[in-house]
């Protein structure tokens, strides 16, 4: 998809690590915890995420941001196993 890293918390993607930057998935709850928001894209076609580079030394804030974002995001959809395809049987001549 984009060739970088996704950060998962209990099965939910909450952030990306791309081009030496940490980008948080945008939620109103996460934005409320940030003193200032710098938008950025993890890959060219993506929507804006919150760039957390200036907060990397504040581990307490990062933990709150990741947990708050996790709590705000919906549960991941459960993937069901695909049924095997039926193959066409050869017609008798």
PDB file of N, CA and C in Angstrom:
ATOM      1  N   UNK A   1       0.823  -1.180   0.000  1.00  0.00           N
ATOM      2  CA  UNK A   1       0.000   0.000   0.000  1.00  0.00           C
ATOM      3  C   UNK A   1       0.875   1.254   0.000  1.00  0.00           C
ATOM      4  N   UNK A   2       1.713   1.433   1.029  1.00  0.00           N
ATOM      5  CA  UNK A   2       2.516   2.644   1.072  1.00  0.00           C
ATOM      6  C   UNK A   2       3.963   2.386   1.442  1.00  0.00           C
ATOM      7  N   UNK A   3       4.325   1.181   1.804  1.00  0.00           N
ATOM      8  CA  UNK A   3       5.717   0.807   1.987  1.00  0.00           C
ATOM      9  C   UNK A   3       6.392   1.283   3.249  1.00  0.00           C
ATOM     10  N   UNK A   4       5.644   1.730   4.246  1.00  0.00           N
ATOM     11  CA  UNK A   4       6.236   2.185   5.497  1.00  0.00           C
ATOM     12  C   UNK A   4       5.677   1.330   6.633  1.00  0.00           C
ATOM     13  N   UNK A   5       5.449   1.913   7.809  1.00  0.00           N
ATOM     14  CA  UNK A   5       5.033   1.135   8.976  1.00  0.00           C
ATOM     15  C   UNK A   5       3.710   1.633   9.535  1.00  0.00           C
ATOM     16  N   UNK A   6       2.863   0.684   9.960  1.00  0.00           N
ATOM     17  CA  UNK A   6       1.616   0.989  10.656  1.00  0.00           C
ATOM     18  C   UNK A   6       1.803   0.635  12.118  1.00  0.00           C
ATOM     19  N   UNK A   7       1.280   1.464  13.008  1.00  0.00           N
ATOM     20  CA  UNK A   7       1.320   1.176  14.436  1.00  0.00           C
ATOM     21  C   UNK A   7      -0.064   0.708  14.863  1.00  0.00           C
ATOM     22  N   UNK A   8      -0.112  -0.511  15.380  1.00  0.00           N
ATOM     23  CA  UNK A   8      -1.363  -1.116  15.816  1.00  0.00           C
ATOM     24  C   UNK A   8      -1.453  -1.085  17.331  1.00  0.00           C
ATOM     25  N   UNK A   9      -2.663  -0.883  17.833  1.00  0.00           N
ATOM     26  CA  UNK A   9      -2.948  -1.003  19.252  1.00  0.00           C
ATOM     27  C   UNK A   9      -4.170  -1.900  19.355  1.00  0.00           C
ATOM     28  N   UNK A  10      -3.980  -3.097  19.864  1.00  0.00           N
ATOM     29  CA  UNK A  10      -5.062  -4.090  19.980  1.00  0.00           C
ATOM     30  C   UNK A  10      -5.858  -4.254  18.691  1.00  0.00           C
ATOM     31  N   UNK A  11      -5.157  -4.372  17.579  1.00  0.00           N
ATOM     32  CA  UNK A  11      -5.791  -4.658  16.300  1.00  0.00           C
ATOM     33  C   UNK A  11      -6.252  -3.447  15.505  1.00  0.00           C
ATOM     34  N   UNK A  12      -6.130  -2.247  16.063  1.00  0.00           N
ATOM     35  CA  UNK A  12      -6.526  -1.032  15.340  1.00  0.00           C
ATOM     36  C   UNK A  12      -5.276  -0.263  14.925  1.00  0.00           C
ATOM     37  N   UNK A  13      -5.274   0.243  13.697  1.00  0.00           N
ATOM     38  CA  UNK A  13      -4.179   1.100  13.250  1.00  0.00           C
ATOM     39  C   UNK A  13      -4.432   2.489  13.837  1.00  0.00           C
ATOM     40  N   UNK A  14      -3.492   2.976  14.650  1.00  0.00           N
ATOM     41  CA  UNK A  14      -3.654   4.285  15.282  1.00  0.00           C
ATOM     42  C   UNK A  14      -2.674   5.319  14.743  1.00  0.00           C
ATOM     43  N   UNK A  15      -1.594   4.869  14.100  1.00  0.00           N
ATOM     44  CA  UNK A  15      -0.588   5.807  13.599  1.00  0.00           C
ATOM     45  C   UNK A  15       0.240   5.138  12.515  1.00  0.00           C
ATOM     46  N   UNK A  16       0.976   5.978  11.802  1.00  0.00           N
ATOM     47  CA  UNK A  16       1.915   5.514  10.785  1.00  0.00           C
ATOM     48  C   UNK A  16       3.284   6.106  11.078  1.00  0.00           C
ATOM     49  N   UNK A  17       4.323   5.350  10.772  1.00  0.00           N
ATOM     50  CA  UNK A  17       5.692   5.849  10.804  1.00  0.00           C
ATOM     51  C   UNK A  17       6.166   5.876   9.353  1.00  0.00           C
ATOM     52  N   UNK A  18       6.292   7.068   8.799  1.00  0.00           N
ATOM     53  CA  UNK A  18       6.638   7.240   7.388  1.00  0.00           C
ATOM     54  C   UNK A  18       7.632   8.378   7.227  1.00  0.00           C
ATOM     55  N   UNK A  19       8.628   8.164   6.390  1.00  0.00           N
ATOM     56  CA  UNK A  19       9.611   9.211   6.075  1.00  0.00           C
ATOM     57  C   UNK A  19      10.148   9.887   7.327  1.00  0.00           C
ATOM     58  N   UNK A  20      10.517   9.095   8.321  1.00  0.00           N
ATOM     59  CA  UNK A  20      11.075   9.592   9.583  1.00  0.00           C
ATOM     60  C   UNK A  20      10.120  10.494  10.349  1.00  0.00           C
ATOM     61  N   UNK A  21       8.816  10.275  10.201  1.00  0.00           N
ATOM     62  CA  UNK A  21       7.812  11.037  10.933  1.00  0.00           C
ATOM     63  C   UNK A  21       6.792  10.084  11.526  1.00  0.00           C
ATOM     64  N   UNK A  22       6.202  10.500  12.643  1.00  0.00           N
ATOM     65  CA  UNK A  22       5.122   9.747  13.274  1.00  0.00           C
ATOM     66  C   UNK A  22       3.836  10.507  13.016  1.00  0.00           C
ATOM     67  N   UNK A  23       2.869   9.837  12.387  1.00  0.00           N
ATOM     68  CA  UNK A  23       1.614  10.478  12.012  1.00  0.00           C
ATOM     69  C   UNK A  23       0.452   9.758  12.683  1.00  0.00           C
ATOM     70  N   UNK A  24      -0.334  10.500  13.446  1.00  0.00           N
ATOM     71  CA  UNK A  24      -1.471   9.965  14.195  1.00  0.00           C
ATOM     72  C   UNK A  24      -2.728  10.049  13.354  1.00  0.00           C
ATOM     73  N   UNK A  25      -3.558   8.984  13.406  1.00  0.00           N
ATOM     74  CA  UNK A  25      -4.836   9.033  12.703  1.00  0.00           C
ATOM     75  C   UNK A  25      -5.657  10.177  13.284  1.00  0.00           C
ATOM     76  N   UNK A  26      -6.306  10.949  12.439  1.00  0.00           N
ATOM     77  CA  UNK A  26      -7.049  12.113  12.933  1.00  0.00           C
ATOM     78  C   UNK A  26      -8.378  11.740  13.571  1.00  0.00           C
ATOM     79  N   UNK A  27      -8.569  12.219  14.790  1.00  0.00           N
ATOM     80  CA  UNK A  27      -9.851  12.119  15.489  1.00  0.00           C
ATOM     81  C   UNK A  27     -10.031  13.428  16.256  1.00  0.00           C
ATOM     82  N   UNK A  28     -11.261  13.855  16.476  1.00  0.00           N
ATOM     83  CA  UNK A  28     -11.480  15.064  17.278  1.00  0.00           C
ATOM     84  C   UNK A  28     -10.909  14.922  18.698  1.00  0.00           C
ATOM     85  N   UNK A  29     -10.990  13.715  19.237  1.00  0.00           N
ATOM     86  CA  UNK A  29     -10.485  13.467  20.594  1.00  0.00           C
ATOM     87  C   UNK A  29      -8.965  13.614  20.657  1.00  0.00           C
ATOM     88  N   UNK A  30      -8.264  13.112  19.652  1.00  0.00           N
ATOM     89  CA  UNK A  30      -6.814  13.249  19.597  1.00  0.00           C
ATOM     90  C   UNK A  30      -6.398  14.693  19.378  1.00  0.00           C
ATOM     91  N   UNK A  31      -7.120  15.380  18.510  1.00  0.00           N
ATOM     92  CA  UNK A  31      -6.817  16.784  18.229  1.00  0.00           C
ATOM     93  C   UNK A  31      -6.957  17.637  19.489  1.00  0.00           C
ATOM     94  N   UNK A  32      -7.935  17.315  20.331  1.00  0.00           N
ATOM     95  CA  UNK A  32      -8.169  18.080  21.559  1.00  0.00           C
ATOM     96  C   UNK A  32      -6.994  17.971  22.535  1.00  0.00           C
ATOM     97  N   UNK A  33      -6.226  16.886  22.475  1.00  0.00           N
ATOM     98  CA  UNK A  33      -5.084  16.701  23.374  1.00  0.00           C
ATOM     99  C   UNK A  33      -3.819  17.395  22.888  1.00  0.00           C
ATOM    100  N   UNK A  34      -3.772  17.749  21.617  1.00  0.00           N
ATOM    101  CA  UNK A  34      -2.561  18.335  21.047  1.00  0.00           C
ATOM    102  C   UNK A  34      -2.518  19.845  21.281  1.00  0.00           C
ATOM    103  N   UNK A  35      -1.382  20.363  21.737  1.00  0.00           N
ATOM    104  CA  UNK A  35      -1.250  21.807  21.907  1.00  0.00           C
ATOM    105  C   UNK A  35      -1.341  22.550  20.572  1.00  0.00           C
ATOM    106  N   UNK A  36      -0.870  21.936  19.508  1.00  0.00           N
ATOM    107  CA  UNK A  36      -0.969  22.489  18.155  1.00  0.00           C
ATOM    108  C   UNK A  36      -0.960  21.302  17.180  1.00  0.00           C
ATOM    109  N   UNK A  37      -1.629  21.490  16.068  1.00  0.00           N
ATOM    110  CA  UNK A  37      -1.758  20.410  15.093  1.00  0.00           C
ATOM    111  C   UNK A  37      -1.020  20.781  13.813  1.00  0.00           C
ATOM    112  N   UNK A  38      -0.132  19.892  13.402  1.00  0.00           N
ATOM    113  CA  UNK A  38       0.561  20.048  12.126  1.00  0.00           C
ATOM    114  C   UNK A  38       0.072  18.914  11.226  1.00  0.00           C
ATOM    115  N   UNK A  39      -0.614  19.238  10.128  1.00  0.00           N
ATOM    116  CA  UNK A  39      -1.102  18.183   9.237  1.00  0.00           C
ATOM    117  C   UNK A  39       0.015  17.654   8.341  1.00  0.00           C
ATOM    118  N   UNK A  40      -0.119  16.390   7.972  1.00  0.00           N
ATOM    119  CA  UNK A  40       0.827  15.765   7.058  1.00  0.00           C
ATOM    120  C   UNK A  40       0.243  14.501   6.481  1.00  0.00           C
ATOM    121  N   UNK A  41       0.794  14.038   5.390  1.00  0.00           N
ATOM    122  CA  UNK A  41       0.297  12.838   4.709  1.00  0.00           C
ATOM    123  C   UNK A  41       1.329  11.717   4.826  1.00  0.00           C
ATOM    124  N   UNK A  42       0.878  10.512   5.220  1.00  0.00           N
ATOM    125  CA  UNK A  42       1.809   9.390   5.288  1.00  0.00           C
ATOM    126  C   UNK A  42       2.238   8.892   3.908  1.00  0.00           C
ATOM    127  N   UNK A  43       1.419   9.122   2.905  1.00  0.00           N
ATOM    128  CA  UNK A  43       1.726   8.766   1.523  1.00  0.00           C
ATOM    129  C   UNK A  43       0.894   9.700   0.633  1.00  0.00           C
ATOM    130  N   UNK A  44       1.271   9.889  -0.619  1.00  0.00           N
ATOM    131  CA  UNK A  44       0.671  10.945  -1.447  1.00  0.00           C
ATOM    132  C   UNK A  44      -0.854  10.945  -1.554  1.00  0.00           C
ATOM    133  N   UNK A  45      -1.489   9.806  -1.651  1.00  0.00           N
ATOM    134  CA  UNK A  45      -2.943   9.767  -1.854  1.00  0.00           C
ATOM    135  C   UNK A  45      -3.727   9.823  -0.543  1.00  0.00           C
ATOM    136  N   UNK A  46      -3.069   9.887   0.590  1.00  0.00           N
ATOM    137  CA  UNK A  46      -3.729   9.803   1.895  1.00  0.00           C
ATOM    138  C   UNK A  46      -4.362  11.132   2.303  1.00  0.00           C
ATOM    139  N   UNK A  47      -5.303  11.032   3.227  1.00  0.00           N
ATOM    140  CA  UNK A  47      -5.845  12.237   3.847  1.00  0.00           C
ATOM    141  C   UNK A  47      -4.825  12.739   4.871  1.00  0.00           C
ATOM    142  N   UNK A  48      -5.048  13.937   5.382  1.00  0.00           N
ATOM    143  CA  UNK A  48      -4.125  14.491   6.372  1.00  0.00           C
ATOM    144  C   UNK A  48      -4.216  13.758   7.705  1.00  0.00           C
ATOM    145  N   UNK A  49      -3.061  13.537   8.299  1.00  0.00           N
ATOM    146  CA  UNK A  49      -2.934  12.969   9.637  1.00  0.00           C
ATOM    147  C   UNK A  49      -2.266  14.027  10.501  1.00  0.00           C
ATOM    148  N   UNK A  50      -2.103  13.765  11.793  1.00  0.00           N
ATOM    149  CA  UNK A  50      -1.448  14.708  12.694  1.00  0.00           C
ATOM    150  C   UNK A  50       0.019  14.310  12.843  1.00  0.00           C
ATOM    151  N   UNK A  51       0.930  15.194  12.480  1.00  0.00           N
ATOM    152  CA  UNK A  51       2.365  14.936  12.596  1.00  0.00           C
ATOM    153  C   UNK A  51       2.763  15.143  14.062  1.00  0.00           C
ATOM    154  N   UNK A  52       3.372  14.121  14.661  1.00  0.00           N
ATOM    155  CA  UNK A  52       3.712  14.161  16.085  1.00  0.00           C
ATOM    156  C   UNK A  52       5.201  14.340  16.354  1.00  0.00           C
ATOM    157  N   UNK A  53       5.974  14.662  15.343  1.00  0.00           N
ATOM    158  CA  UNK A  53       7.428  14.721  15.494  1.00  0.00           C
ATOM    159  C   UNK A  53       7.891  15.616  16.642  1.00  0.00           C
ATOM    160  N   UNK A  54       7.250  16.749  16.838  1.00  0.00           N
ATOM    161  CA  UNK A  54       7.694  17.661  17.888  1.00  0.00           C
ATOM    162  C   UNK A  54       7.311  17.186  19.288  1.00  0.00           C
ATOM    163  N   UNK A  55       6.516  16.116  19.382  1.00  0.00           N
ATOM    164  CA  UNK A  55       6.082  15.603  20.683  1.00  0.00           C
ATOM    165  C   UNK A  55       6.716  14.255  21.033  1.00  0.00           C
ATOM    166  N   UNK A  56       7.697  13.822  20.248  1.00  0.00           N
ATOM    167  CA  UNK A  56       8.285  12.496  20.455  1.00  0.00           C
ATOM    168  C   UNK A  56       8.960  12.331  21.816  1.00  0.00           C
ATOM    169  N   UNK A  57       9.430  13.396  22.403  1.00  0.00           N
ATOM    170  CA  UNK A  57      10.078  13.295  23.714  1.00  0.00           C
ATOM    171  C   UNK A  57       9.084  13.305  24.865  1.00  0.00           C
ATOM    172  N   UNK A  58       7.835  13.602  24.596  1.00  0.00           N
ATOM    173  CA  UNK A  58       6.794  13.635  25.628  1.00  0.00           C
ATOM    174  C   UNK A  58       6.047  12.296  25.631  1.00  0.00           C
ATOM    175  N   UNK A  59       6.644  11.305  26.276  1.00  0.00           N
ATOM    176  CA  UNK A  59       6.073   9.955  26.240  1.00  0.00           C
ATOM    177  C   UNK A  59       4.695   9.895  26.887  1.00  0.00           C
ATOM    178  N   UNK A  60       4.460  10.710  27.889  1.00  0.00           N
ATOM    179  CA  UNK A  60       3.150  10.723  28.544  1.00  0.00           C
ATOM    180  C   UNK A  60       2.064  11.191  27.569  1.00  0.00           C
ATOM    181  N   UNK A  61       2.354  12.266  26.842  1.00  0.00           N
ATOM    182  CA  UNK A  61       1.407  12.767  25.848  1.00  0.00           C
ATOM    183  C   UNK A  61       1.204  11.742  24.740  1.00  0.00           C
ATOM    184  N   UNK A  62       2.274  11.124  24.257  1.00  0.00           N
ATOM    185  CA  UNK A  62       2.150  10.113  23.198  1.00  0.00           C
ATOM    186  C   UNK A  62       1.281   8.950  23.643  1.00  0.00           C
ATOM    187  N   UNK A  63       1.461   8.485  24.867  1.00  0.00           N
ATOM    188  CA  UNK A  63       0.635   7.388  25.373  1.00  0.00           C
ATOM    189  C   UNK A  63      -0.835   7.793  25.415  1.00  0.00           C
ATOM    190  N   UNK A  64      -1.110   9.000  25.903  1.00  0.00           N
ATOM    191  CA  UNK A  64      -2.503   9.481  25.958  1.00  0.00           C
ATOM    192  C   UNK A  64      -3.081   9.622  24.549  1.00  0.00           C
ATOM    193  N   UNK A  65      -2.284  10.145  23.616  1.00  0.00           N
ATOM    194  CA  UNK A  65      -2.755  10.310  22.244  1.00  0.00           C
ATOM    195  C   UNK A  65      -3.092   8.967  21.592  1.00  0.00           C
ATOM    196  N   UNK A  66      -2.202   8.000  21.747  1.00  0.00           N
ATOM    197  CA  UNK A  66      -2.437   6.678  21.141  1.00  0.00           C
ATOM    198  C   UNK A  66      -3.651   6.007  21.761  1.00  0.00           C
ATOM    199  N   UNK A  67      -3.788   6.079  23.091  1.00  0.00           N
ATOM    200  CA  UNK A  67      -4.929   5.452  23.764  1.00  0.00           C
ATOM    201  C   UNK A  67      -6.230   6.166  23.416  1.00  0.00           C
ATOM    202  N   UNK A  68      -6.210   7.479  23.382  1.00  0.00           N
ATOM    203  CA  UNK A  68      -7.413   8.252  23.049  1.00  0.00           C
ATOM    204  C   UNK A  68      -7.844   7.982  21.611  1.00  0.00           C
ATOM    205  N   UNK A  69      -6.888   7.921  20.707  1.00  0.00           N
ATOM    206  CA  UNK A  69      -7.199   7.619  19.304  1.00  0.00           C
ATOM    207  C   UNK A  69      -7.766   6.212  19.192  1.00  0.00           C
ATOM    208  N   UNK A  70      -7.155   5.258  19.885  1.00  0.00           N
ATOM    209  CA  UNK A  70      -7.661   3.886  19.890  1.00  0.00           C
ATOM    210  C   UNK A  70      -9.116   3.862  20.356  1.00  0.00           C
ATOM    211  N   UNK A  71      -9.406   4.543  21.451  1.00  0.00           N
ATOM    212  CA  UNK A  71     -10.765   4.553  22.003  1.00  0.00           C
ATOM    213  C   UNK A  71     -11.771   5.197  21.050  1.00  0.00           C
ATOM    214  N   UNK A  72     -11.318   6.170  20.258  1.00  0.00           N
ATOM    215  CA  UNK A  72     -12.219   6.890  19.356  1.00  0.00           C
ATOM    216  C   UNK A  72     -12.493   6.147  18.048  1.00  0.00           C
ATOM    217  N   UNK A  73     -11.599   5.253  17.671  1.00  0.00           N
ATOM    218  CA  UNK A  73     -11.754   4.544  16.399  1.00  0.00           C
ATOM    219  C   UNK A  73     -12.696   3.352  16.543  1.00  0.00           C
ATOM    220  N   UNK A  74     -13.443   3.040  15.482  1.00  0.00           N
ATOM    221  CA  UNK A  74     -14.321   1.866  15.534  1.00  0.00           C
ATOM    222  C   UNK A  74     -13.500   0.575  15.555  1.00  0.00           C
ATOM    223  N   UNK A  75     -14.128  -0.471  16.043  1.00  0.00           N
ATOM    224  CA  UNK A  75     -13.473  -1.783  16.057  1.00  0.00           C
ATOM    225  C   UNK A  75     -13.208  -2.225  14.629  1.00  0.00           C
ATOM    226  N   UNK A  76     -12.086  -2.920  14.397  1.00  0.00           N
ATOM    227  CA  UNK A  76     -11.814  -3.398  13.037  1.00  0.00           C
ATOM    228  C   UNK A  76     -12.859  -4.432  12.613  1.00  0.00           C
ATOM    229  N   UNK A  77     -13.167  -4.430  11.337  1.00  0.00           N
ATOM    230  CA  UNK A  77     -14.126  -5.400  10.805  1.00  0.00           C
ATOM    231  C   UNK A  77     -13.494  -6.778  10.830  1.00  0.00           C
ATOM    232  N   UNK A  78     -14.276  -7.755  11.232  1.00  0.00           N
ATOM    233  CA  UNK A  78     -13.793  -9.132  11.262  1.00  0.00           C
ATOM    234  C   UNK A  78     -13.853  -9.690   9.852  1.00  0.00           C
ATOM    235  N   UNK A  79     -12.727 -10.184   9.401  1.00  0.00           N
ATOM    236  CA  UNK A  79     -12.658 -10.737   8.055  1.00  0.00           C
ATOM    237  C   UNK A  79     -13.111 -12.190   8.089  1.00  0.00           C
ATOM    238  N   UNK A  80     -14.003 -12.523   7.185  1.00  0.00           N
ATOM    239  CA  UNK A  80     -14.474 -13.903   7.090  1.00  0.00           C
ATOM    240  C   UNK A  80     -13.660 -14.622   6.026  1.00  0.00           C
ATOM    241  N   UNK A  81     -13.525 -15.906   6.228  1.00  0.00           N
ATOM    242  CA  UNK A  81     -12.775 -16.711   5.266  1.00  0.00           C
ATOM    243  C   UNK A  81     -13.557 -16.782   3.958  1.00  0.00           C
ATOM    244  N   UNK A  82     -12.849 -16.649   2.868  1.00  0.00           N
ATOM    245  CA  UNK A  82     -13.494 -16.730   1.557  1.00  0.00           C
ATOM    246  C   UNK A  82     -13.795 -18.182   1.231  1.00  0.00           C
ATOM    247  N   UNK A  83     -14.961 -18.376   0.600  1.00  0.00           N
ATOM    248  CA  UNK A  83     -15.331 -19.719   0.161  1.00  0.00           C
ATOM    249  C   UNK A  83     -14.536 -20.053  -1.091  1.00  0.00           C
ATOM    250  N   UNK A  84     -14.117 -21.296  -1.218  1.00  0.00           N
ATOM    251  CA  UNK A  84     -13.373 -21.662  -2.428  1.00  0.00           C
ATOM    252  C   UNK A  84     -14.266 -21.506  -3.657  1.00  0.00           C
ATOM    253  N   UNK A  85     -13.656 -21.106  -4.749  1.00  0.00           N
ATOM    254  CA  UNK A  85     -14.395 -20.941  -5.997  1.00  0.00           C
ATOM    255  C   UNK A  85     -14.777 -22.301  -6.566  1.00  0.00           C
ATOM    256  N   UNK A  86     -15.936 -22.329  -7.161  1.00  0.00           N
ATOM    257  CA  UNK A  86     -16.356 -23.535  -7.848  1.00  0.00           C
ATOM    258  C   UNK A  86     -15.743 -23.515  -9.228  1.00  0.00           C
ATOM    259  N   UNK A  87     -15.187 -24.638  -9.610  1.00  0.00           N
ATOM    260  CA  UNK A  87     -14.614 -24.724 -10.938  1.00  0.00           C
ATOM    261  C   UNK A  87     -15.609 -25.358 -11.882  1.00  0.00           C
ATOM    262  N   UNK A  88     -15.611 -24.905 -13.088  1.00  0.00           N
ATOM    263  CA  UNK A  88     -16.519 -25.455 -14.099  1.00  0.00           C
ATOM    264  C   UNK A  88     -16.037 -26.857 -14.469  1.00  0.00           C
ATOM    265  N   UNK A  89     -16.979 -27.804 -14.453  1.00  0.00           N
ATOM    266  CA  UNK A  89     -16.623 -29.170 -14.843  1.00  0.00           C
ATOM    267  C   UNK A  89     -16.609 -29.270 -16.365  1.00  0.00           C
ATOM    268  N   UNK A  90     -15.725 -30.091 -16.854  1.00  0.00           N
ATOM    269  CA  UNK A  90     -15.608 -30.284 -18.302  1.00  0.00           C
ATOM    270  C   UNK A  90     -16.888 -30.899 -18.839  1.00  0.00           C
ATOM    271  N   UNK A  91     -17.361 -30.380 -19.958  1.00  0.00           N
ATOM    272  CA  UNK A  91     -18.572 -30.917 -20.578  1.00  0.00           C
ATOM    273  C   UNK A  91     -18.242 -32.220 -21.262  1.00  0.00           C
ATOM    274  N   UNK A  92     -19.189 -33.171 -21.150  1.00  0.00           N
ATOM    275  CA  UNK A  92     -19.000 -34.444 -21.844  1.00  0.00           C
ATOM    276  C   UNK A  92     -19.420 -34.303 -23.289  1.00  0.00           C
ATOM    277  N   UNK A  93     -18.652 -34.851 -24.175  1.00  0.00           N
ATOM    278  CA  UNK A  93     -18.960 -34.743 -25.602  1.00  0.00           C
ATOM    279  C   UNK A  93     -19.827 -35.848 -26.069  1.00  0.00           C
TER     280      UNK A  93
END
